[in-house]
Amino acid sequence: MTLHAWEKLYLDDLRLGQEFESDPVRVEREAMLAFARAFDPQPFHLDPEAASLSLFRGLAASGWNTAALTMKMLVASVPLADGIIGLGIELSWPTPTYPDDVLRLKCTVQAIEPSASKPDRGVVTMLMETLNQNDKVVQRATGKLLVFNTPAPD
């Protein structure tokens, strides 16, 4: 779905099966190494020689780095009016992310559950798949998001 930068979506704007796709993001080697040094300092994320002997057969991004890049793409491509407010997530990394991969995010609305006790909001279940340049899924997440309805006119 293509939206203008000024468009903001509320719960009542969303539909089951609605899809969103991000612009591509390149995994920059130096940024990937900086992330690993700060948050996941394991040899297969930091040392090319050690990484070549690992399961990954080369320097691989931390899954948390992939998650952070996914969040950046999510915010840019799913323009919820009150922001991306996460309530929970199920997350997997079926394929490694490598330096210079070009990632994009595909999101699909799987469920919309209006709140029974708070009529101004609901919970949206979103399937979020982060794909590399070869269309391999590097991250799959099913997230529950808090989304508000269009505010009533004053």
N, C-alpha and C. Protein backbone atom coordinates (compact mmCIF):
# COMPACT_ATOMS: atom_id res chain seq x y z
N MET A 1 0.85 -1.17 0.00
CA MET A 1 0.00 0.00 0.00
C MET A 1 0.89 1.22 0.00
N THR A 2 0.64 2.15 -0.87
CA THR A 2 1.41 3.38 -0.93
C THR A 2 0.60 4.49 -0.29
N LEU A 3 1.20 5.16 0.66
CA LEU A 3 0.55 6.27 1.35
C LEU A 3 1.41 7.50 1.23
N HIS A 4 0.79 8.64 1.33
CA HIS A 4 1.54 9.89 1.37
C HIS A 4 2.08 10.10 2.78
N ALA A 5 3.16 10.85 2.90
CA ALA A 5 3.79 11.08 4.20
C ALA A 5 2.82 11.70 5.20
N TRP A 6 1.85 12.45 4.72
CA TRP A 6 0.93 13.14 5.62
C TRP A 6 -0.23 12.26 6.07
N GLU A 7 -0.42 11.10 5.46
CA GLU A 7 -1.53 10.23 5.84
C GLU A 7 -1.21 9.49 7.13
N LYS A 8 -2.18 9.46 8.02
CA LYS A 8 -2.05 8.73 9.27
C LYS A 8 -3.24 7.80 9.42
N LEU A 9 -3.00 6.59 9.87
CA LEU A 9 -4.05 5.59 9.95
C LEU A 9 -4.48 5.33 11.38
N TYR A 10 -5.78 5.12 11.53
CA TYR A 10 -6.39 4.76 12.80
C TYR A 10 -6.94 3.34 12.68
N LEU A 11 -7.39 2.78 13.80
CA LEU A 11 -7.92 1.42 13.84
C LEU A 11 -9.02 1.25 12.80
N ASP A 12 -9.92 2.21 12.70
CA ASP A 12 -11.05 2.08 11.77
C ASP A 12 -10.63 2.24 10.30
N ASP A 13 -9.39 2.60 10.03
CA ASP A 13 -8.87 2.67 8.66
C ASP A 13 -8.29 1.34 8.19
N LEU A 14 -7.98 0.45 9.13
CA LEU A 14 -7.30 -0.80 8.81
C LEU A 14 -8.28 -1.89 8.43
N ARG A 15 -7.83 -2.81 7.55
CA ARG A 15 -8.65 -3.92 7.07
C ARG A 15 -7.84 -5.21 7.13
N LEU A 16 -8.53 -6.32 7.37
CA LEU A 16 -7.85 -7.63 7.33
C LEU A 16 -7.21 -7.83 5.97
N GLY A 17 -5.99 -8.33 5.97
CA GLY A 17 -5.27 -8.58 4.74
C GLY A 17 -4.58 -7.36 4.15
N GLN A 18 -4.79 -6.20 4.74
CA GLN A 18 -4.15 -4.97 4.23
C GLN A 18 -2.63 -5.14 4.33
N GLU A 19 -1.93 -4.71 3.28
CA GLU A 19 -0.48 -4.88 3.23
C GLU A 19 0.23 -3.54 3.16
N PHE A 20 1.43 -3.53 3.73
CA PHE A 20 2.32 -2.38 3.71
C PHE A 20 3.70 -2.88 3.32
N GLU A 21 4.45 -2.07 2.59
CA GLU A 21 5.82 -2.46 2.23
C GLU A 21 6.72 -1.24 2.39
N SER A 22 7.91 -1.49 2.92
CA SER A 22 8.86 -0.40 3.17
C SER A 22 9.74 -0.16 1.96
N ASP A 23 10.42 0.96 1.99
CA ASP A 23 11.52 1.20 1.08
C ASP A 23 12.69 0.31 1.53
N PRO A 24 13.61 0.00 0.64
CA PRO A 24 14.75 -0.85 1.02
C PRO A 24 15.75 -0.12 1.92
N VAL A 25 16.42 -0.91 2.75
CA VAL A 25 17.48 -0.40 3.64
C VAL A 25 18.69 -1.32 3.47
N ARG A 26 19.85 -0.73 3.23
CA ARG A 26 21.09 -1.51 3.10
C ARG A 26 21.71 -1.72 4.48
N VAL A 27 22.20 -2.93 4.72
CA VAL A 27 22.91 -3.25 5.96
C VAL A 27 24.35 -2.78 5.78
N GLU A 28 24.68 -1.68 6.42
CA GLU A 28 26.02 -1.09 6.31
C GLU A 28 26.98 -1.84 7.24
N ARG A 29 28.07 -2.32 6.70
CA ARG A 29 29.04 -3.12 7.45
C ARG A 29 29.51 -2.43 8.73
N GLU A 30 29.93 -1.18 8.63
CA GLU A 30 30.45 -0.48 9.81
C GLU A 30 29.38 -0.27 10.88
N ALA A 31 28.17 0.04 10.45
CA ALA A 31 27.07 0.21 11.41
C ALA A 31 26.74 -1.14 12.07
N MET A 32 26.80 -2.21 11.29
CA MET A 32 26.54 -3.55 11.81
C MET A 32 27.58 -3.94 12.86
N LEU A 33 28.86 -3.63 12.57
CA LEU A 33 29.93 -3.92 13.53
C LEU A 33 29.79 -3.07 14.79
N ALA A 34 29.41 -1.82 14.63
CA ALA A 34 29.21 -0.94 15.79
C ALA A 34 28.08 -1.46 16.66
N PHE A 35 27.00 -1.90 16.04
CA PHE A 35 25.88 -2.47 16.79
C PHE A 35 26.35 -3.69 17.58
N ALA A 36 27.08 -4.58 16.91
CA ALA A 36 27.56 -5.79 17.58
C ALA A 36 28.49 -5.46 18.74
N ARG A 37 29.40 -4.51 18.54
CA ARG A 37 30.31 -4.12 19.64
C ARG A 37 29.52 -3.61 20.84
N ALA A 38 28.46 -2.86 20.59
CA ALA A 38 27.69 -2.26 21.68
C ALA A 38 26.70 -3.23 22.32
N PHE A 39 26.09 -4.12 21.53
CA PHE A 39 24.94 -4.87 22.05
C PHE A 39 25.02 -6.39 21.94
N ASP A 40 25.89 -6.94 21.09
CA ASP A 40 25.93 -8.39 20.91
C ASP A 40 27.35 -8.80 20.48
N PRO A 41 28.34 -8.62 21.39
CA PRO A 41 29.75 -8.80 21.02
C PRO A 41 30.19 -10.26 20.94
N GLN A 42 29.64 -10.97 19.97
CA GLN A 42 30.03 -12.35 19.75
C GLN A 42 30.95 -12.41 18.52
N PRO A 43 31.88 -13.37 18.50
CA PRO A 43 32.87 -13.42 17.41
C PRO A 43 32.27 -13.46 16.00
N PHE A 44 31.16 -14.17 15.81
CA PHE A 44 30.59 -14.27 14.46
C PHE A 44 29.90 -12.98 14.01
N HIS A 45 29.76 -12.01 14.94
CA HIS A 45 29.25 -10.68 14.58
C HIS A 45 30.37 -9.66 14.43
N LEU A 46 31.57 -10.00 14.93
CA LEU A 46 32.65 -9.01 15.01
C LEU A 46 33.93 -9.36 14.25
N ASP A 47 34.26 -10.63 14.17
CA ASP A 47 35.55 -11.07 13.65
C ASP A 47 35.36 -11.90 12.38
N PRO A 48 35.74 -11.36 11.22
CA PRO A 48 35.52 -12.08 9.96
C PRO A 48 36.14 -13.48 9.94
N GLU A 49 37.32 -13.64 10.54
CA GLU A 49 37.97 -14.95 10.54
C GLU A 49 37.18 -15.95 11.39
N ALA A 50 36.83 -15.54 12.60
CA ALA A 50 36.03 -16.42 13.46
C ALA A 50 34.67 -16.70 12.81
N ALA A 51 34.09 -15.70 12.19
CA ALA A 51 32.78 -15.85 11.55
C ALA A 51 32.84 -16.85 10.40
N SER A 52 33.96 -16.88 9.67
CA SER A 52 34.09 -17.80 8.54
C SER A 52 34.07 -19.26 9.00
N LEU A 53 34.44 -19.51 10.26
CA LEU A 53 34.45 -20.86 10.81
C LEU A 53 33.15 -21.20 11.54
N SER A 54 32.24 -20.26 11.60
CA SER A 54 30.99 -20.45 12.34
C SER A 54 29.90 -21.03 11.45
N LEU A 55 28.79 -21.30 12.06
CA LEU A 55 27.58 -21.74 11.37
C LEU A 55 27.21 -20.78 10.22
N PHE A 56 27.51 -19.49 10.38
CA PHE A 56 27.12 -18.47 9.40
C PHE A 56 28.04 -18.40 8.19
N ARG A 57 29.25 -18.99 8.29
CA ARG A 57 30.22 -19.00 7.19
C ARG A 57 30.61 -17.60 6.73
N GLY A 58 30.52 -16.66 7.63
CA GLY A 58 30.89 -15.28 7.33
C GLY A 58 30.29 -14.35 8.37
N LEU A 59 30.75 -13.13 8.35
CA LEU A 59 30.27 -12.11 9.29
C LEU A 59 28.76 -11.96 9.15
N ALA A 60 28.02 -12.10 10.23
CA ALA A 60 26.56 -12.02 10.21
C ALA A 60 26.11 -10.95 11.21
N ALA A 61 25.04 -10.28 10.87
CA ALA A 61 24.46 -9.28 11.77
C ALA A 61 23.80 -9.98 12.94
N SER A 62 23.81 -9.33 14.07
CA SER A 62 23.03 -9.80 15.21
C SER A 62 21.55 -9.78 14.82
N GLY A 63 20.81 -10.76 15.30
CA GLY A 63 19.36 -10.75 15.08
C GLY A 63 18.74 -9.47 15.61
N TRP A 64 19.31 -8.96 16.71
CA TRP A 64 18.78 -7.72 17.31
C TRP A 64 19.05 -6.52 16.42
N ASN A 65 20.13 -6.59 15.64
CA ASN A 65 20.42 -5.54 14.66
C ASN A 65 19.36 -5.59 13.55
N THR A 66 19.05 -6.80 13.10
CA THR A 66 17.99 -6.98 12.10
C THR A 66 16.66 -6.47 12.66
N ALA A 67 16.39 -6.75 13.92
CA ALA A 67 15.15 -6.28 14.55
C ALA A 67 15.11 -4.75 14.60
N ALA A 68 16.24 -4.13 14.91
CA ALA A 68 16.30 -2.66 14.97
C ALA A 68 16.07 -2.05 13.58
N LEU A 69 16.69 -2.64 12.55
CA LEU A 69 16.47 -2.16 11.18
C LEU A 69 15.01 -2.36 10.77
N THR A 70 14.44 -3.48 11.19
CA THR A 70 13.02 -3.74 10.90
C THR A 70 12.14 -2.68 11.56
N MET A 71 12.45 -2.33 12.79
CA MET A 71 11.66 -1.31 13.47
C MET A 71 11.72 0.02 12.73
N LYS A 72 12.90 0.36 12.23
CA LYS A 72 13.05 1.60 11.45
C LYS A 72 12.15 1.56 10.22
N MET A 73 12.14 0.43 9.52
CA MET A 73 11.31 0.29 8.33
C MET A 73 9.83 0.28 8.69
N LEU A 74 9.48 -0.33 9.81
CA LEU A 74 8.09 -0.39 10.26
C LEU A 74 7.54 1.01 10.52
N VAL A 75 8.30 1.80 11.25
CA VAL A 75 7.87 3.17 11.57
C VAL A 75 7.69 3.98 10.29
N ALA A 76 8.58 3.77 9.31
CA ALA A 76 8.52 4.53 8.06
C ALA A 76 7.40 4.08 7.13
N SER A 77 6.94 2.83 7.26
CA SER A 77 6.02 2.31 6.25
C SER A 77 4.61 2.02 6.76
N VAL A 78 4.41 2.00 8.06
CA VAL A 78 3.07 1.77 8.62
C VAL A 78 2.72 3.01 9.46
N PRO A 79 2.08 3.98 8.83
CA PRO A 79 1.88 5.29 9.47
C PRO A 79 0.70 5.33 10.44
N LEU A 80 0.80 4.60 11.54
CA LEU A 80 -0.26 4.65 12.53
C LEU A 80 -0.26 6.01 13.20
N ALA A 81 -1.43 6.57 13.36
CA ALA A 81 -1.57 7.96 13.81
C ALA A 81 -0.91 8.22 15.16
N ASP A 82 -0.97 7.26 16.06
CA ASP A 82 -0.41 7.47 17.39
C ASP A 82 0.90 6.72 17.59
N GLY A 83 1.50 6.27 16.50
CA GLY A 83 2.79 5.58 16.56
C GLY A 83 2.64 4.08 16.66
N ILE A 84 3.77 3.41 16.58
CA ILE A 84 3.82 1.95 16.70
C ILE A 84 3.96 1.64 18.19
N ILE A 85 2.87 1.17 18.79
CA ILE A 85 2.87 0.86 20.21
C ILE A 85 2.74 -0.66 20.35
N GLY A 86 3.84 -1.30 20.67
CA GLY A 86 3.87 -2.75 20.75
C GLY A 86 3.32 -3.28 22.06
N LEU A 87 2.55 -4.36 21.96
CA LEU A 87 2.02 -5.04 23.13
C LEU A 87 2.67 -6.40 23.33
N GLY A 88 3.29 -6.92 22.29
CA GLY A 88 3.95 -8.22 22.36
C GLY A 88 4.36 -8.66 20.98
N ILE A 89 5.32 -9.59 20.94
CA ILE A 89 5.83 -10.03 19.63
C ILE A 89 6.34 -11.46 19.72
N GLU A 90 6.15 -12.20 18.64
CA GLU A 90 6.79 -13.50 18.46
C GLU A 90 7.76 -13.30 17.31
N LEU A 91 9.02 -13.70 17.50
CA LEU A 91 10.09 -13.29 16.60
C LEU A 91 10.99 -14.48 16.25
N SER A 92 11.35 -14.58 14.96
CA SER A 92 12.33 -15.60 14.55
C SER A 92 13.22 -15.03 13.45
N TRP A 93 14.41 -15.61 13.34
CA TRP A 93 15.38 -15.23 12.32
C TRP A 93 15.74 -16.47 11.50
N PRO A 94 14.95 -16.80 10.48
CA PRO A 94 15.18 -18.04 9.74
C PRO A 94 16.40 -18.03 8.82
N THR A 95 16.88 -16.85 8.43
CA THR A 95 18.03 -16.72 7.54
C THR A 95 18.92 -15.61 8.08
N PRO A 96 20.24 -15.79 8.08
CA PRO A 96 21.11 -14.73 8.58
C PRO A 96 21.05 -13.47 7.71
N THR A 97 21.36 -12.35 8.35
CA THR A 97 21.54 -11.07 7.66
C THR A 97 23.04 -10.82 7.58
N TYR A 98 23.50 -10.43 6.39
CA TYR A 98 24.92 -10.20 6.16
C TYR A 98 25.19 -8.75 5.77
N PRO A 99 26.44 -8.31 5.91
CA PRO A 99 26.78 -6.96 5.46
C PRO A 99 26.40 -6.78 3.98
N ASP A 100 25.91 -5.62 3.67
CA ASP A 100 25.50 -5.23 2.32
C ASP A 100 24.21 -5.88 1.84
N ASP A 101 23.56 -6.69 2.67
CA ASP A 101 22.22 -7.14 2.31
C ASP A 101 21.33 -5.91 2.16
N VAL A 102 20.34 -6.02 1.31
CA VAL A 102 19.36 -4.95 1.13
C VAL A 102 18.03 -5.52 1.62
N LEU A 103 17.54 -4.94 2.71
CA LEU A 103 16.34 -5.45 3.36
C LEU A 103 15.12 -4.60 3.02
N ARG A 104 13.97 -5.25 3.04
CA ARG A 104 12.70 -4.55 2.93
C ARG A 104 11.71 -5.27 3.82
N LEU A 105 10.70 -4.55 4.23
CA LEU A 105 9.71 -5.08 5.16
C LEU A 105 8.36 -5.19 4.49
N LYS A 106 7.73 -6.34 4.65
CA LYS A 106 6.36 -6.56 4.19
C LYS A 106 5.51 -6.84 5.41
N CYS A 107 4.43 -6.07 5.59
CA CYS A 107 3.54 -6.23 6.74
C CYS A 107 2.13 -6.54 6.24
N THR A 108 1.47 -7.43 6.95
CA THR A 108 0.09 -7.79 6.61
C THR A 108 -0.74 -7.78 7.89
N VAL A 109 -1.89 -7.11 7.84
CA VAL A 109 -2.82 -7.09 8.97
C VAL A 109 -3.50 -8.45 9.02
N GLN A 110 -3.31 -9.16 10.14
CA GLN A 110 -3.87 -10.50 10.31
C GLN A 110 -5.13 -10.52 11.16
N ALA A 111 -5.23 -9.60 12.10
CA ALA A 111 -6.42 -9.56 12.97
C ALA A 111 -6.61 -8.15 13.49
N ILE A 112 -7.87 -7.79 13.70
CA ILE A 112 -8.24 -6.50 14.29
C ILE A 112 -9.25 -6.80 15.37
N GLU A 113 -8.89 -6.49 16.62
CA GLU A 113 -9.76 -6.79 17.75
C GLU A 113 -10.07 -5.51 18.51
N PRO A 114 -11.25 -4.92 18.27
CA PRO A 114 -11.62 -3.74 19.05
C PRO A 114 -11.71 -4.10 20.54
N SER A 115 -11.34 -3.17 21.39
CA SER A 115 -11.39 -3.40 22.84
C SER A 115 -12.84 -3.38 23.32
N ALA A 116 -13.18 -4.34 24.14
CA ALA A 116 -14.53 -4.38 24.71
C ALA A 116 -14.68 -3.36 25.83
N SER A 117 -13.60 -3.06 26.52
CA SER A 117 -13.68 -2.16 27.68
C SER A 117 -13.25 -0.72 27.38
N LYS A 118 -12.50 -0.53 26.30
CA LYS A 118 -12.03 0.81 25.94
C LYS A 118 -12.35 1.05 24.46
N PRO A 119 -13.50 1.64 24.17
CA PRO A 119 -13.96 1.74 22.78
C PRO A 119 -13.13 2.65 21.88
N ASP A 120 -12.16 3.36 22.44
CA ASP A 120 -11.33 4.24 21.62
C ASP A 120 -10.13 3.53 21.01
N ARG A 121 -10.01 2.21 21.23
CA ARG A 121 -8.79 1.50 20.79
C ARG A 121 -9.06 0.03 20.52
N GLY A 122 -8.02 -0.60 19.99
CA GLY A 122 -8.08 -2.03 19.74
C GLY A 122 -6.68 -2.58 19.57
N VAL A 123 -6.62 -3.88 19.32
CA VAL A 123 -5.35 -4.57 19.12
C VAL A 123 -5.32 -5.09 17.69
N VAL A 124 -4.24 -4.78 16.99
CA VAL A 124 -4.03 -5.25 15.62
C VAL A 124 -2.88 -6.25 15.64
N THR A 125 -3.12 -7.41 15.08
CA THR A 125 -2.06 -8.41 14.91
C THR A 125 -1.50 -8.24 13.51
N MET A 126 -0.18 -8.07 13.44
CA MET A 126 0.49 -7.79 12.17
C MET A 126 1.59 -8.82 11.94
N LEU A 127 1.57 -9.44 10.76
CA LEU A 127 2.69 -10.29 10.34
C LEU A 127 3.69 -9.37 9.66
N MET A 128 4.93 -9.41 10.15
CA MET A 128 5.99 -8.55 9.62
C MET A 128 7.13 -9.44 9.13
N GLU A 129 7.36 -9.43 7.83
CA GLU A 129 8.44 -10.23 7.26
C GLU A 129 9.48 -9.30 6.68
N THR A 130 10.72 -9.47 7.16
CA THR A 130 11.86 -8.72 6.64
C THR A 130 12.57 -9.63 5.66
N LEU A 131 12.68 -9.15 4.42
CA LEU A 131 13.26 -9.96 3.34
C LEU A 131 14.55 -9.32 2.84
N ASN A 132 15.48 -10.17 2.41
CA ASN A 132 16.71 -9.64 1.81
C ASN A 132 16.54 -9.47 0.30
N GLN A 133 17.60 -9.11 -0.37
CA GLN A 133 17.55 -8.85 -1.81
C GLN A 133 17.21 -10.09 -2.63
N ASN A 134 17.33 -11.27 -2.03
CA ASN A 134 16.98 -12.53 -2.70
C ASN A 134 15.61 -13.04 -2.30
N ASP A 135 14.84 -12.18 -1.64
CA ASP A 135 13.49 -12.52 -1.15
C ASP A 135 13.49 -13.63 -0.12
N LYS A 136 14.62 -13.82 0.56
CA LYS A 136 14.69 -14.76 1.68
C LYS A 136 14.26 -14.02 2.94
N VAL A 137 13.44 -14.65 3.76
CA VAL A 137 13.00 -14.04 5.01
C VAL A 137 14.14 -14.11 6.02
N VAL A 138 14.62 -12.94 6.45
CA VAL A 138 15.68 -12.89 7.46
C VAL A 138 15.10 -12.67 8.85
N GLN A 139 13.88 -12.17 8.91
CA GLN A 139 13.19 -12.04 10.19
C GLN A 139 11.70 -12.17 9.94
N ARG A 140 11.04 -12.94 10.81
CA ARG A 140 9.59 -13.06 10.77
C ARG A 140 9.08 -12.72 12.16
N ALA A 141 8.14 -11.82 12.22
CA ALA A 141 7.58 -11.43 13.50
C ALA A 141 6.07 -11.32 13.39
N THR A 142 5.41 -11.77 14.42
CA THR A 142 3.99 -11.53 14.55
C THR A 142 3.84 -10.66 15.78
N GLY A 143 3.36 -9.45 15.56
CA GLY A 143 3.27 -8.48 16.65
C GLY A 143 1.85 -8.05 16.91
N LYS A 144 1.60 -7.75 18.16
CA LYS A 144 0.31 -7.16 18.55
C LYS A 144 0.57 -5.69 18.84
N LEU A 145 -0.20 -4.84 18.16
CA LEU A 145 -0.03 -3.39 18.27
C LEU A 145 -1.29 -2.76 18.84
N LEU A 146 -1.10 -1.79 19.72
CA LEU A 146 -2.20 -0.99 20.24
C LEU A 146 -2.46 0.11 19.22
N VAL A 147 -3.70 0.18 18.73
CA VAL A 147 -4.05 1.18 17.72
C VAL A 147 -5.35 1.86 18.15
N PHE A 148 -5.36 3.18 18.05
CA PHE A 148 -6.52 3.96 18.46
C PHE A 148 -7.46 4.22 17.29
N ASN A 149 -8.75 4.38 17.58
CA ASN A 149 -9.73 4.79 16.58
C ASN A 149 -9.58 6.26 16.26
N THR A 150 -10.16 6.66 15.16
CA THR A 150 -10.20 8.07 14.80
C THR A 150 -10.87 8.84 15.94
N PRO A 151 -10.25 9.91 16.42
CA PRO A 151 -10.86 10.65 17.52
C PRO A 151 -12.21 11.26 17.10
N ALA A 152 -13.11 11.29 18.06
CA ALA A 152 -14.42 11.90 17.79
C ALA A 152 -14.23 13.40 17.58
N PRO A 153 -15.02 14.00 16.66
CA PRO A 153 -14.90 15.45 16.46
C PRO A 153 -15.29 16.21 17.74
N ASP A 154 -14.64 17.35 17.92
CA ASP A 154 -14.92 18.16 19.13
C ASP A 154 -16.29 18.77 19.08
